[in-house]
Amino acid sequence: MVNLVAVWRAHGLPEILRECWETGVVLTGASAGSLCWHVGGPTDSYRDNLDPFTGGLAFLPYSNGVHDDLDDQPRRTAFRELIGNGKCR
């Protein structure tokens, strides 16, 4: 996901995607694919541990905790910790 956003930026897609979004096109992504529309959120794109990703396109001005709805996921705890320590908003 981190690499995908970097490739999008290298090719100028964020501006095109924002224009689409502002005209009413529905942009979506499942799981980690939904992080790109937000400021960011916890990701294992860098390594096996969950680290903050803050390089999203920020169409939605807050972070996203994917799989936060599952009680047994370490992502739920990680997301709350990242919010609490200011690494995600």
N, C-alpha and C. Protein backbone atom coordinates (compact mmCIF):
# COMPACT_ATOMS: atom_id res chain seq x y z
N MET A 1 0.82 -1.16 0.00
CA MET A 1 0.00 0.00 0.00
C MET A 1 0.87 1.24 0.00
N VAL A 2 1.91 1.24 0.80
CA VAL A 2 2.84 2.38 0.84
C VAL A 2 3.48 2.57 -0.53
N ASN A 3 3.89 1.48 -1.15
CA ASN A 3 4.50 1.56 -2.48
C ASN A 3 3.49 2.02 -3.53
N LEU A 4 2.26 1.58 -3.41
CA LEU A 4 1.23 1.98 -4.36
C LEU A 4 1.04 3.49 -4.35
N VAL A 5 0.94 4.08 -3.17
CA VAL A 5 0.76 5.53 -3.07
C VAL A 5 1.98 6.25 -3.63
N ALA A 6 3.17 5.72 -3.40
CA ALA A 6 4.39 6.33 -3.95
C ALA A 6 4.38 6.30 -5.48
N VAL A 7 3.95 5.21 -6.05
CA VAL A 7 3.87 5.11 -7.51
C VAL A 7 2.82 6.08 -8.04
N TRP A 8 1.67 6.16 -7.37
CA TRP A 8 0.64 7.11 -7.78
C TRP A 8 1.20 8.53 -7.80
N ARG A 9 1.95 8.88 -6.74
CA ARG A 9 2.51 10.23 -6.66
C ARG A 9 3.53 10.46 -7.78
N ALA A 10 4.34 9.47 -8.07
CA ALA A 10 5.37 9.60 -9.11
C ALA A 10 4.74 9.86 -10.48
N HIS A 11 3.52 9.40 -10.66
CA HIS A 11 2.85 9.55 -11.96
C HIS A 11 1.74 10.62 -11.96
N GLY A 12 1.66 11.40 -10.88
CA GLY A 12 0.70 12.49 -10.83
C GLY A 12 -0.75 12.09 -10.64
N LEU A 13 -0.98 10.88 -10.18
CA LEU A 13 -2.36 10.42 -10.01
C LEU A 13 -3.14 11.07 -8.87
N PRO A 14 -2.51 11.51 -7.78
CA PRO A 14 -3.31 12.12 -6.71
C PRO A 14 -4.17 13.28 -7.18
N GLU A 15 -3.66 14.12 -8.05
CA GLU A 15 -4.43 15.25 -8.55
C GLU A 15 -5.62 14.77 -9.38
N ILE A 16 -5.39 13.77 -10.20
CA ILE A 16 -6.46 13.22 -11.03
C ILE A 16 -7.52 12.54 -10.15
N LEU A 17 -7.07 11.77 -9.18
CA LEU A 17 -8.00 11.09 -8.28
C LEU A 17 -8.81 12.09 -7.46
N ARG A 18 -8.16 13.16 -7.00
CA ARG A 18 -8.89 14.18 -6.24
C ARG A 18 -9.96 14.84 -7.11
N GLU A 19 -9.61 15.14 -8.35
CA GLU A 19 -10.59 15.73 -9.27
C GLU A 19 -11.78 14.79 -9.45
N CYS A 20 -11.50 13.52 -9.62
CA CYS A 20 -12.58 12.53 -9.74
C CYS A 20 -13.46 12.53 -8.50
N TRP A 21 -12.82 12.48 -7.35
CA TRP A 21 -13.53 12.44 -6.07
C TRP A 21 -14.41 13.68 -5.89
N GLU A 22 -13.85 14.85 -6.22
CA GLU A 22 -14.60 16.10 -6.05
C GLU A 22 -15.78 16.21 -7.01
N THR A 23 -15.77 15.44 -8.10
CA THR A 23 -16.91 15.46 -9.02
C THR A 23 -17.91 14.35 -8.71
N GLY A 24 -17.68 13.61 -7.64
CA GLY A 24 -18.65 12.63 -7.20
C GLY A 24 -18.34 11.18 -7.51
N VAL A 25 -17.18 10.91 -8.08
CA VAL A 25 -16.80 9.52 -8.33
C VAL A 25 -16.53 8.85 -6.99
N VAL A 26 -17.07 7.67 -6.80
CA VAL A 26 -16.85 6.92 -5.57
C VAL A 26 -15.51 6.20 -5.67
N LEU A 27 -14.62 6.51 -4.73
CA LEU A 27 -13.31 5.87 -4.67
C LEU A 27 -13.33 4.91 -3.49
N THR A 28 -12.84 3.72 -3.68
CA THR A 28 -12.92 2.72 -2.62
C THR A 28 -11.68 1.85 -2.62
N GLY A 29 -11.54 1.10 -1.59
CA GLY A 29 -10.46 0.13 -1.48
C GLY A 29 -10.75 -0.75 -0.29
N ALA A 30 -10.48 -2.00 -0.41
CA ALA A 30 -10.71 -2.93 0.70
C ALA A 30 -9.45 -3.05 1.55
N SER A 31 -9.65 -3.22 2.82
CA SER A 31 -8.56 -3.45 3.75
C SER A 31 -7.53 -2.32 3.63
N ALA A 32 -6.27 -2.65 3.42
CA ALA A 32 -5.23 -1.62 3.34
C ALA A 32 -5.48 -0.66 2.20
N GLY A 33 -6.19 -1.09 1.19
CA GLY A 33 -6.49 -0.22 0.06
C GLY A 33 -7.34 0.98 0.43
N SER A 34 -7.99 0.94 1.58
CA SER A 34 -8.78 2.09 2.01
C SER A 34 -7.94 3.14 2.73
N LEU A 35 -6.74 2.78 3.15
CA LEU A 35 -5.88 3.75 3.84
C LEU A 35 -5.48 4.91 2.94
N CYS A 36 -5.34 4.66 1.66
CA CYS A 36 -4.82 5.69 0.76
C CYS A 36 -5.70 6.93 0.73
N TRP A 37 -7.00 6.81 0.94
CA TRP A 37 -7.91 7.97 0.87
C TRP A 37 -7.85 8.81 2.15
N HIS A 38 -7.31 8.25 3.22
CA HIS A 38 -7.21 8.92 4.51
C HIS A 38 -5.81 9.52 4.67
N VAL A 39 -5.60 10.17 5.78
CA VAL A 39 -4.25 10.65 6.12
C VAL A 39 -3.33 9.44 6.27
N GLY A 40 -3.85 8.37 6.80
CA GLY A 40 -3.08 7.14 6.97
C GLY A 40 -3.70 6.26 8.02
N GLY A 41 -2.85 5.48 8.69
CA GLY A 41 -3.29 4.56 9.72
C GLY A 41 -2.24 3.49 9.91
N PRO A 42 -2.49 2.52 10.76
CA PRO A 42 -1.50 1.47 10.99
C PRO A 42 -1.35 0.57 9.77
N THR A 43 -0.12 0.22 9.48
CA THR A 43 0.15 -0.66 8.34
C THR A 43 1.32 -1.58 8.65
N ASP A 44 1.31 -2.74 7.99
CA ASP A 44 2.46 -3.63 8.06
C ASP A 44 3.21 -3.61 6.72
N SER A 45 3.03 -2.53 5.97
CA SER A 45 3.70 -2.40 4.67
C SER A 45 5.21 -2.23 4.81
N TYR A 46 5.66 -1.70 5.94
CA TYR A 46 7.09 -1.47 6.15
C TYR A 46 7.81 -2.71 6.67
N ARG A 47 7.12 -3.46 7.54
CA ARG A 47 7.68 -4.65 8.19
C ARG A 47 6.53 -5.43 8.80
N ASP A 48 6.81 -6.49 9.52
CA ASP A 48 5.75 -7.31 10.09
C ASP A 48 4.98 -6.60 11.20
N ASN A 49 5.61 -5.68 11.90
CA ASN A 49 4.93 -4.93 12.95
C ASN A 49 4.04 -3.85 12.34
N LEU A 50 3.10 -3.37 13.12
CA LEU A 50 2.22 -2.30 12.66
C LEU A 50 2.84 -0.95 12.99
N ASP A 51 3.13 -0.20 11.96
CA ASP A 51 3.72 1.13 12.09
C ASP A 51 2.76 2.15 11.51
N PRO A 52 2.92 3.42 11.90
CA PRO A 52 2.03 4.43 11.36
C PRO A 52 2.38 4.77 9.91
N PHE A 53 1.36 4.84 9.08
CA PHE A 53 1.50 5.36 7.72
C PHE A 53 0.80 6.71 7.73
N THR A 54 1.51 7.76 7.39
CA THR A 54 0.93 9.10 7.40
C THR A 54 1.05 9.77 6.04
N GLY A 55 1.28 8.98 5.01
CA GLY A 55 1.45 9.53 3.67
C GLY A 55 0.27 9.31 2.75
N GLY A 56 -0.91 9.14 3.32
CA GLY A 56 -2.08 8.95 2.48
C GLY A 56 -2.45 10.21 1.71
N LEU A 57 -3.39 10.10 0.82
CA LEU A 57 -3.80 11.23 -0.01
C LEU A 57 -4.63 12.25 0.76
N ALA A 58 -5.13 11.88 1.91
CA ALA A 58 -5.83 12.77 2.84
C ALA A 58 -7.08 13.41 2.25
N PHE A 59 -7.77 12.70 1.37
CA PHE A 59 -9.07 13.19 0.93
C PHE A 59 -10.01 13.21 2.13
N LEU A 60 -9.82 12.24 3.01
CA LEU A 60 -10.53 12.19 4.29
C LEU A 60 -9.50 12.56 5.35
N PRO A 61 -9.71 13.65 6.09
CA PRO A 61 -8.66 14.23 6.93
C PRO A 61 -8.43 13.57 8.29
N TYR A 62 -8.50 12.26 8.32
CA TYR A 62 -8.25 11.53 9.56
C TYR A 62 -7.70 10.16 9.19
N SER A 63 -7.25 9.44 10.18
CA SER A 63 -6.69 8.12 9.92
C SER A 63 -7.77 7.06 9.89
N ASN A 64 -7.38 5.90 9.42
CA ASN A 64 -8.31 4.79 9.24
C ASN A 64 -7.71 3.55 9.90
N GLY A 65 -8.46 2.90 10.73
CA GLY A 65 -8.01 1.67 11.37
C GLY A 65 -8.65 0.47 10.71
N VAL A 66 -8.02 -0.05 9.67
CA VAL A 66 -8.61 -1.20 8.97
C VAL A 66 -8.65 -2.40 9.91
N HIS A 67 -9.70 -3.16 9.83
CA HIS A 67 -9.96 -4.34 10.65
C HIS A 67 -10.12 -3.99 12.13
N ASP A 68 -10.38 -2.74 12.43
CA ASP A 68 -10.57 -2.31 13.82
C ASP A 68 -11.82 -2.93 14.43
N ASP A 69 -12.72 -3.40 13.61
CA ASP A 69 -13.96 -3.97 14.11
C ASP A 69 -13.78 -5.38 14.68
N LEU A 70 -12.62 -5.97 14.50
CA LEU A 70 -12.37 -7.32 14.99
C LEU A 70 -11.64 -7.26 16.32
N ASP A 71 -12.29 -7.74 17.39
CA ASP A 71 -11.72 -7.65 18.73
C ASP A 71 -10.38 -8.36 18.88
N ASP A 72 -10.19 -9.46 18.15
CA ASP A 72 -8.98 -10.25 18.36
C ASP A 72 -7.81 -9.79 17.48
N GLN A 73 -7.94 -8.68 16.81
CA GLN A 73 -6.88 -8.20 15.93
C GLN A 73 -5.93 -7.28 16.68
N PRO A 74 -4.62 -7.48 16.53
CA PRO A 74 -3.67 -6.55 17.15
C PRO A 74 -3.77 -5.15 16.56
N ARG A 75 -4.41 -5.05 15.41
CA ARG A 75 -4.57 -3.74 14.77
C ARG A 75 -5.41 -2.80 15.64
N ARG A 76 -6.39 -3.34 16.31
CA ARG A 76 -7.25 -2.50 17.16
C ARG A 76 -6.43 -1.82 18.24
N THR A 77 -5.60 -2.59 18.93
CA THR A 77 -4.75 -2.03 19.99
C THR A 77 -3.73 -1.07 19.39
N ALA A 78 -3.10 -1.47 18.30
CA ALA A 78 -2.07 -0.63 17.67
C ALA A 78 -2.66 0.70 17.23
N PHE A 79 -3.85 0.67 16.63
CA PHE A 79 -4.48 1.90 16.16
C PHE A 79 -4.73 2.86 17.31
N ARG A 80 -5.27 2.35 18.41
CA ARG A 80 -5.54 3.20 19.57
C ARG A 80 -4.26 3.74 20.17
N GLU A 81 -3.21 2.96 20.19
CA GLU A 81 -1.92 3.44 20.70
C GLU A 81 -1.36 4.54 19.80
N LEU A 82 -1.44 4.36 18.49
CA LEU A 82 -0.94 5.36 17.56
C LEU A 82 -1.74 6.67 17.66
N ILE A 83 -3.03 6.56 17.87
CA ILE A 83 -3.85 7.75 18.07
C ILE A 83 -3.45 8.43 19.38
N GLY A 84 -3.32 7.61 20.43
CA GLY A 84 -2.99 8.14 21.76
C GLY A 84 -1.65 8.84 21.83
N ASN A 85 -0.67 8.33 21.09
CA ASN A 85 0.65 8.96 21.16
C ASN A 85 0.88 9.98 20.04
N GLY A 86 -0.19 10.30 19.31
CA GLY A 86 -0.12 11.35 18.29
C GLY A 86 0.53 10.98 16.97
N LYS A 87 0.80 9.69 16.77
CA LYS A 87 1.42 9.27 15.51
C LYS A 87 0.41 9.10 14.39
N CYS A 88 -0.86 9.00 14.75
CA CYS A 88 -1.97 8.99 13.81
C CYS A 88 -3.02 9.92 14.37
N ARG A 89 -3.83 10.49 13.48
CA ARG A 89 -4.90 11.36 13.99
C ARG A 89 -6.26 10.87 13.57
